[in-house]
């Protein structure tokens, strides 16, 4: 009986350990994505000669959130991304395609 508990305890421990490692990896992926998307937004903002305040006005937000977004500290909602696309005068799909190209070019 004791052996079975020990084996099951070990299996549960390994499962939780693997799960924790996977969650940590996903967290790093999210952090990386947020930083890359933030760099892309900053690139597009500067390309359009906009200040953070100007872009914030265009997307209906505040400059502090634009700053947080550009530093990769904030993950925007789809609604926010749609507003960014409109501010940059491109479609949502073009914004996503340009972000993909930006990521590939600036790794």
C-alpha atoms as a PDB file:
ATOM      1  CA  UNK A   1       0.000   0.000   0.000  1.00  0.00           C
ATOM      2  CA  UNK A   2       2.764   2.459   0.961  1.00  0.00           C
ATOM      3  CA  UNK A   3       4.568   1.723  -2.307  1.00  0.00           C
ATOM      4  CA  UNK A   4       1.444   2.563  -4.342  1.00  0.00           C
ATOM      5  CA  UNK A   5       1.018   5.892  -2.547  1.00  0.00           C
ATOM      6  CA  UNK A   6       4.659   6.729  -3.113  1.00  0.00           C
ATOM      7  CA  UNK A   7       4.454   5.878  -6.811  1.00  0.00           C
ATOM      8  CA  UNK A   8       1.238   7.865  -7.275  1.00  0.00           C
ATOM      9  CA  UNK A   9       2.706  10.745  -5.293  1.00  0.00           C
ATOM     10  CA  UNK A  10       5.789  10.723  -7.497  1.00  0.00           C
ATOM     11  CA  UNK A  11       3.692  10.601 -10.677  1.00  0.00           C
ATOM     12  CA  UNK A  12       1.542  13.500  -9.453  1.00  0.00           C
ATOM     13  CA  UNK A  13       4.674  15.453  -8.494  1.00  0.00           C
ATOM     14  CA  UNK A  14       6.236  14.928 -11.949  1.00  0.00           C
ATOM     15  CA  UNK A  15       2.971  15.881 -13.653  1.00  0.00           C
ATOM     16  CA  UNK A  16       2.724  19.129 -11.660  1.00  0.00           C
ATOM     17  CA  UNK A  17       6.400  19.858 -12.228  1.00  0.00           C
ATOM     18  CA  UNK A  18       6.022  19.410 -16.012  1.00  0.00           C
ATOM     19  CA  UNK A  19       2.846  21.498 -15.982  1.00  0.00           C
ATOM     20  CA  UNK A  20       4.622  24.306 -14.108  1.00  0.00           C
ATOM     21  CA  UNK A  21       7.503  24.267 -16.615  1.00  0.00           C
ATOM     22  CA  UNK A  22       5.077  24.437 -19.557  1.00  0.00           C
ATOM     23  CA  UNK A  23       3.202  27.337 -17.978  1.00  0.00           C
ATOM     24  CA  UNK A  24       6.484  29.172 -17.376  1.00  0.00           C
ATOM     25  CA  UNK A  25       7.448  28.655 -21.038  1.00  0.00           C
ATOM     26  CA  UNK A  26       4.058  29.976 -22.180  1.00  0.00           C
ATOM     27  CA  UNK A  27       4.497  32.997 -19.943  1.00  0.00           C
ATOM     28  CA  UNK A  28       7.862  33.720 -21.586  1.00  0.00           C
ATOM     29  CA  UNK A  29       6.250  33.309 -25.033  1.00  0.00           C
ATOM     30  CA  UNK A  30       3.591  35.844 -24.069  1.00  0.00           C
ATOM     31  CA  UNK A  31       6.203  38.257 -22.734  1.00  0.00           C
ATOM     32  CA  UNK A  32       8.214  37.897 -25.944  1.00  0.00           C
ATOM     33  CA  UNK A  33       5.125  38.446 -28.097  1.00  0.00           C
ATOM     34  CA  UNK A  34       4.092  41.531 -26.112  1.00  0.00           C
ATOM     35  CA  UNK A  35       7.571  43.046 -26.439  1.00  0.00           C
ATOM     36  CA  UNK A  36       7.684  42.367 -30.196  1.00  0.00           C
ATOM     37  CA  UNK A  37       4.184  43.761 -30.742  1.00  0.00           C
ATOM     38  CA  UNK A  38       5.080  46.810 -28.667  1.00  0.00           C
ATOM     39  CA  UNK A  39       8.193  47.421 -30.748  1.00  0.00           C
ATOM     40  CA  UNK A  40       6.056  47.096 -33.880  1.00  0.00           C
ATOM     41  CA  UNK A  41       3.510  49.631 -32.620  1.00  0.00           C
ATOM     42  CA  UNK A  42       6.299  52.062 -31.768  1.00  0.00           C
ATOM     43  CA  UNK A  43       7.789  51.555 -35.247  1.00  0.00           C
ATOM     44  CA  UNK A  44       4.411  52.228 -36.902  1.00  0.00           C
ATOM     45  CA  UNK A  45       3.747  55.240 -34.656  1.00  0.00           C
ATOM     46  CA  UNK A  46       7.094  56.797 -35.543  1.00  0.00           C
ATOM     47  CA  UNK A  47       6.599  55.914 -39.214  1.00  0.00           C
ATOM     48  CA  UNK A  48       3.401  58.018 -39.082  1.00  0.00           C
ATOM     49  CA  UNK A  49       5.147  60.822 -37.128  1.00  0.00           C
ATOM     50  CA  UNK A  50       2.762  60.424 -34.206  1.00  0.00           C
ATOM     51  CA  UNK A  51       3.431  61.068 -30.551  1.00  0.00           C
ATOM     52  CA  UNK A  52       2.151  58.681 -27.913  1.00  0.00           C
ATOM     53  CA  UNK A  53      -0.445  61.308 -27.004  1.00  0.00           C
ATOM     54  CA  UNK A  54      -1.517  61.655 -30.631  1.00  0.00           C
ATOM     55  CA  UNK A  55      -1.846  57.909 -31.122  1.00  0.00           C
ATOM     56  CA  UNK A  56      -3.715  57.610 -27.821  1.00  0.00           C
ATOM     57  CA  UNK A  57      -6.238  60.213 -28.989  1.00  0.00           C
ATOM     58  CA  UNK A  58      -6.733  58.353 -32.251  1.00  0.00           C
ATOM     59  CA  UNK A  59      -7.372  54.983 -30.597  1.00  0.00           C
ATOM     60  CA  UNK A  60      -9.434  56.341 -27.717  1.00  0.00           C
ATOM     61  CA  UNK A  61      -6.973  55.564 -24.970  1.00  0.00           C
ATOM     62  CA  UNK A  62      -4.343  57.409 -22.936  1.00  0.00           C
ATOM     63  CA  UNK A  63      -0.643  57.905 -23.551  1.00  0.00           C
ATOM     64  CA  UNK A  64       0.308  55.885 -20.461  1.00  0.00           C
ATOM     65  CA  UNK A  65      -1.285  52.779 -21.997  1.00  0.00           C
ATOM     66  CA  UNK A  66       0.442  53.457 -25.312  1.00  0.00           C
ATOM     67  CA  UNK A  67       3.729  53.634 -23.423  1.00  0.00           C
ATOM     68  CA  UNK A  68       2.972  50.387 -21.568  1.00  0.00           C
ATOM     69  CA  UNK A  69       2.021  48.739 -24.871  1.00  0.00           C
ATOM     70  CA  UNK A  70       5.256  49.840 -26.550  1.00  0.00           C
ATOM     71  CA  UNK A  71       7.319  48.513 -23.631  1.00  0.00           C
ATOM     72  CA  UNK A  72       5.568  45.139 -23.869  1.00  0.00           C
ATOM     73  CA  UNK A  73       3.858  45.489 -20.499  1.00  0.00           C
ATOM     74  CA  UNK A  74       0.355  45.417 -21.924  1.00  0.00           C
ATOM     75  CA  UNK A  75      -1.406  43.001 -24.268  1.00  0.00           C
ATOM     76  CA  UNK A  76      -4.073  44.846 -26.257  1.00  0.00           C
ATOM     77  CA  UNK A  77      -7.522  43.489 -26.952  1.00  0.00           C
ATOM     78  CA  UNK A  78      -8.687  42.821 -30.493  1.00  0.00           C
ATOM     79  CA  UNK A  79     -10.791  45.988 -30.301  1.00  0.00           C
ATOM     80  CA  UNK A  80      -7.688  47.982 -29.408  1.00  0.00           C
ATOM     81  CA  UNK A  81      -5.735  46.373 -32.261  1.00  0.00           C
ATOM     82  CA  UNK A  82      -8.560  47.273 -34.667  1.00  0.00           C
ATOM     83  CA  UNK A  83      -8.333  50.888 -33.492  1.00  0.00           C
ATOM     84  CA  UNK A  84      -4.557  50.826 -33.994  1.00  0.00           C
ATOM     85  CA  UNK A  85      -5.055  49.603 -37.569  1.00  0.00           C
ATOM     86  CA  UNK A  86      -7.491  52.446 -38.212  1.00  0.00           C
ATOM     87  CA  UNK A  87      -5.052  54.972 -36.724  1.00  0.00           C
ATOM     88  CA  UNK A  88      -2.323  53.664 -39.038  1.00  0.00           C
ATOM     89  CA  UNK A  89      -4.811  53.803 -41.939  1.00  0.00           C
ATOM     90  CA  UNK A  90      -4.560  50.110 -42.802  1.00  0.00           C
ATOM     91  CA  UNK A  91      -6.885  47.156 -42.472  1.00  0.00           C
ATOM     92  CA  UNK A  92      -6.716  44.849 -39.495  1.00  0.00           C
ATOM     93  CA  UNK A  93      -5.451  42.023 -41.703  1.00  0.00           C
ATOM     94  CA  UNK A  94      -2.708  44.279 -43.136  1.00  0.00           C
ATOM     95  CA  UNK A  95      -1.653  45.260 -39.631  1.00  0.00           C
ATOM     96  CA  UNK A  96      -1.267  41.600 -38.713  1.00  0.00           C
ATOM     97  CA  UNK A  97       0.629  40.824 -41.917  1.00  0.00           C
ATOM     98  CA  UNK A  98       2.951  43.778 -41.373  1.00  0.00           C
ATOM     99  CA  UNK A  99       3.557  42.645 -37.795  1.00  0.00           C
ATOM    100  CA  UNK A 100       4.504  39.180 -39.048  1.00  0.00           C
ATOM    101  CA  UNK A 101       6.971  40.697 -41.523  1.00  0.00           C
ATOM    102  CA  UNK A 102       8.325  43.019 -38.816  1.00  0.00           C
ATOM    103  CA  UNK A 103       8.929  40.068 -36.503  1.00  0.00           C
ATOM    104  CA  UNK A 104      10.752  38.111 -39.187  1.00  0.00           C
ATOM    105  CA  UNK A 105      12.897  41.076 -40.215  1.00  0.00           C
ATOM    106  CA  UNK A 106      13.725  42.250 -36.674  1.00  0.00           C
ATOM    107  CA  UNK A 107      14.535  39.056 -34.759  1.00  0.00           C
END
